[in-house]
Protein backbone atom coordinates (compact mmCIF):
# COMPACT_ATOMS: atom_id res chain seq x y z
CA MET A 1 44.57 5.14 11.20
CA LYS A 2 40.84 5.34 10.58
CA ILE A 3 39.21 5.64 7.15
CA GLY A 4 38.17 8.95 8.16
CA GLN A 5 41.45 10.08 8.71
CA ILE A 6 42.58 8.49 5.91
CA ILE A 7 40.17 10.19 3.32
CA VAL A 8 40.85 13.91 4.81
CA VAL A 9 44.86 13.12 4.97
CA VAL A 10 44.05 12.02 0.67
CA ALA A 11 41.92 15.25 -0.10
CA ALA A 12 44.08 17.51 1.57
CA LEU A 13 46.72 16.15 -0.90
CA VAL A 14 44.70 16.48 -3.55
CA LEU A 15 43.91 20.09 -3.07
CA THR A 16 47.37 20.69 -2.41
CA VAL A 17 48.54 19.06 -5.73
CA LEU A 18 45.96 20.72 -7.63
CA ILE A 19 46.67 24.31 -6.04
CA TYR A 20 50.45 23.95 -6.59
CA ASN A 21 50.12 22.49 -10.23
CA PHE A 22 47.30 25.20 -11.05
CA SER A 23 49.42 27.98 -9.78
CA ARG A 24 52.07 27.22 -12.21
CA THR A 25 50.35 26.36 -15.18
CA PRO A 26 47.54 28.28 -15.65
CA ASN A 27 45.82 28.97 -19.22
CA ASP A 28 45.91 32.85 -20.05
CA ALA A 29 41.89 32.81 -19.77
CA ASP A 30 42.40 31.79 -16.11
CA LEU A 31 44.60 34.71 -14.88
CA PRO A 32 43.52 37.80 -13.40
CA THR A 33 43.55 40.65 -15.28
CA GLN A 34 45.66 43.27 -13.92
CA GLU A 35 42.36 44.89 -12.98
CA ALA A 36 41.21 42.36 -10.68
CA GLU A 37 44.69 42.01 -9.37
CA GLU A 38 44.65 46.01 -8.41
CA VAL A 39 41.16 45.67 -6.90
CA ALA A 40 41.92 42.46 -4.99
CA THR A 41 45.25 44.26 -3.84
CA VAL A 42 44.05 47.81 -3.11
CA ALA A 43 44.15 48.63 0.34
CA SER A 44 41.86 48.38 2.91
CA GLU A 45 41.40 50.06 6.08
CA ASN A 46 43.53 47.33 7.80
CA PRO A 47 47.04 47.23 6.81
CA ALA A 48 47.30 43.87 8.55
CA LEU A 49 44.42 42.07 7.22
CA ASP A 50 46.08 43.15 3.63
CA ALA A 51 49.44 41.83 4.55
CA LYS A 52 47.78 38.89 5.61
CA VAL A 53 46.26 38.18 2.45
CA GLU A 54 49.58 39.19 0.36
CA GLU A 55 51.32 36.87 2.45
CA ALA A 56 49.05 33.97 1.54
CA VAL A 57 48.99 35.06 -2.37
CA ASN A 58 52.76 35.08 -2.48
CA MET A 59 52.47 31.36 -0.27
CA ILE A 60 50.62 30.16 -2.95
CA GLN A 61 51.99 31.41 -6.46
CA SER A 62 55.62 30.79 -5.23
CA GLY A 63 55.12 27.03 -4.05
CA ASN A 64 56.97 28.14 -1.30
CA GLY A 65 55.07 26.94 1.68
CA ALA A 66 51.53 24.97 2.56
CA PRO A 67 48.69 26.01 0.32
CA MET A 68 46.40 25.26 2.82
CA GLN A 69 48.45 27.07 5.58
CA ALA A 70 47.86 30.32 2.92
CA ILE A 71 43.90 29.54 2.77
CA GLY A 72 44.14 29.56 6.26
CA LEU A 73 45.53 32.95 6.61
CA LEU A 74 42.69 34.18 4.05
CA ARG A 75 40.40 32.47 6.36
CA GLU A 76 41.35 34.06 9.29
CA VAL A 77 41.34 37.56 7.11
CA ILE A 78 37.62 36.75 6.40
CA GLN A 79 36.68 36.19 10.34
CA VAL A 80 38.09 39.38 11.32
CA ASP A 81 36.50 41.27 7.84
CA SER A 82 34.33 39.58 6.14
CA ASN A 83 33.89 41.92 3.69
CA HIS A 84 37.71 42.45 2.60
CA VAL A 85 38.16 42.23 -1.05
CA GLY A 86 41.40 41.03 -1.27
CA ALA A 87 40.48 38.01 0.50
CA ASN A 88 37.20 36.90 -0.94
CA PHE A 89 38.75 37.42 -4.42
CA TRP A 90 41.72 35.36 -3.82
CA LEU A 91 40.15 32.83 -1.76
CA GLY A 92 37.22 32.98 -4.90
CA GLU A 93 40.19 32.53 -7.10
CA PHE A 94 41.48 29.48 -5.54
CA SER A 95 38.41 27.76 -5.06
CA LEU A 96 38.11 28.06 -8.97
CA MET A 97 41.25 26.81 -9.85
CA SER A 98 40.91 23.71 -7.91
CA GLY A 99 37.43 22.80 -8.79
CA GLN A 100 35.38 23.81 -5.95
CA TYR A 101 33.10 25.76 -7.65
CA ASP A 102 30.38 26.03 -5.26
CA LYS A 103 32.91 27.89 -3.00
CA ALA A 104 33.85 30.22 -5.80
CA ILE A 105 30.28 31.37 -6.52
CA GLU A 106 29.66 31.80 -3.18
CA ARG A 107 33.06 34.23 -3.27
CA PHE A 108 32.40 36.10 -6.41
CA ASN A 109 28.51 36.49 -5.96
CA LYS A 110 29.65 38.23 -2.75
CA LEU A 111 32.03 40.53 -4.52
CA LEU A 112 29.77 41.50 -7.12
CA GLN A 113 27.71 42.54 -4.81
CA MET A 114 30.12 44.57 -3.11
CA GLN A 115 30.86 46.12 -6.34
CA PRO A 116 28.32 45.50 -8.85
CA ALA A 117 30.42 47.16 -11.68
CA ASN A 118 33.46 45.05 -11.48
CA ALA A 119 33.45 43.57 -14.91
CA GLU A 120 36.30 41.12 -13.76
CA PHE A 121 34.40 39.61 -10.76
CA CYS A 122 31.17 39.27 -13.18
CA ILE A 123 33.58 36.93 -15.53
CA LYS A 124 35.00 35.22 -12.57
CA LEU A 125 31.36 34.68 -11.44
CA ALA A 126 30.16 33.32 -14.90
CA GLN A 127 33.14 31.24 -15.11
CA SER A 128 32.50 29.70 -11.26
CA TYR A 129 28.85 28.53 -13.09
CA GLN A 130 30.30 27.19 -16.00
CA GLY A 131 32.38 25.03 -13.86
CA ALA A 132 30.07 23.92 -11.77
CA GLY A 133 27.80 22.86 -15.29
CA GLN A 134 25.79 26.19 -14.79
CA THR A 135 26.34 27.48 -18.16
CA SER A 136 23.06 28.61 -18.65
CA LYS A 137 23.17 30.80 -15.15
CA GLY A 138 26.65 32.04 -16.14
CA VAL A 139 25.73 33.44 -19.29
CA GLU A 140 22.79 35.39 -17.63
CA VAL A 141 25.16 37.05 -14.93
CA ILE A 142 27.04 38.16 -17.72
CA ASN A 143 24.17 39.83 -19.94
CA ALA A 144 22.82 41.33 -16.85
CA PHE A 145 26.02 42.95 -16.04
CA ILE A 146 26.15 44.17 -19.45
CA ALA A 147 22.49 45.75 -19.30
CA ALA A 148 23.49 47.44 -16.07
CA ASN A 149 27.02 48.61 -17.53
CA PRO A 150 26.74 49.14 -21.22
CA GLU A 151 29.21 51.92 -21.71
CA GLU A 152 32.17 48.77 -19.63
CA LYS A 153 35.19 49.30 -20.83
CA MET A 154 35.61 45.50 -20.32
CA ASN A 155 32.43 44.63 -22.85
CA GLU A 156 34.62 43.64 -25.39
CA GLN A 157 36.18 40.97 -23.03
CA LEU A 158 32.73 40.34 -21.51
CA ASN A 159 31.15 39.42 -25.01
CA ALA A 160 34.09 37.06 -25.85
CA VAL A 161 33.61 35.22 -22.48
CA LEU A 162 29.52 35.16 -23.12
CA GLU A 163 30.55 33.59 -26.93
CA LYS A 164 32.66 31.04 -25.67
CA MET A 165 29.93 30.49 -22.76
CA SER A 166 27.14 30.13 -25.62
CA VAL A 167 28.89 27.20 -27.69
CA GLU A 168 28.21 25.17 -24.48
CA LEU A 169 24.77 25.79 -24.51
């Protein structure tokens, strides 16, 4: 085997272990809220794509099947519908869980642009920035969201995340 192939195999194994372990031992703060799960699983206009997303999520969360196969299914959905909320959410969530913050930022930015009043997407984007070492940018995202949505029912949760992030500044 060439060095490049070995690196790819090792990277795939590390990612698989990370996803497997994170899906089994999440922190309460890392778990998607019920609202996010509902938003991410709302039926789109293509039930076949929704079924692929559900299959991929079940594959990863149950630990049955290869995580990279599940990610592949989500990417197939994105190739067909780049704005599929569920596929973008779960790709962002799994990127966040595996420490791929740049990819998570990209996904949650897109979702927040698609649904600017979605507090869960705002929190996930802020957490992605925090993970990437850009806490001040995460704080900006939350402050902008609160300013744009002063009556948001999740403002208490947003303020708690904001307070936690502000400690790091």
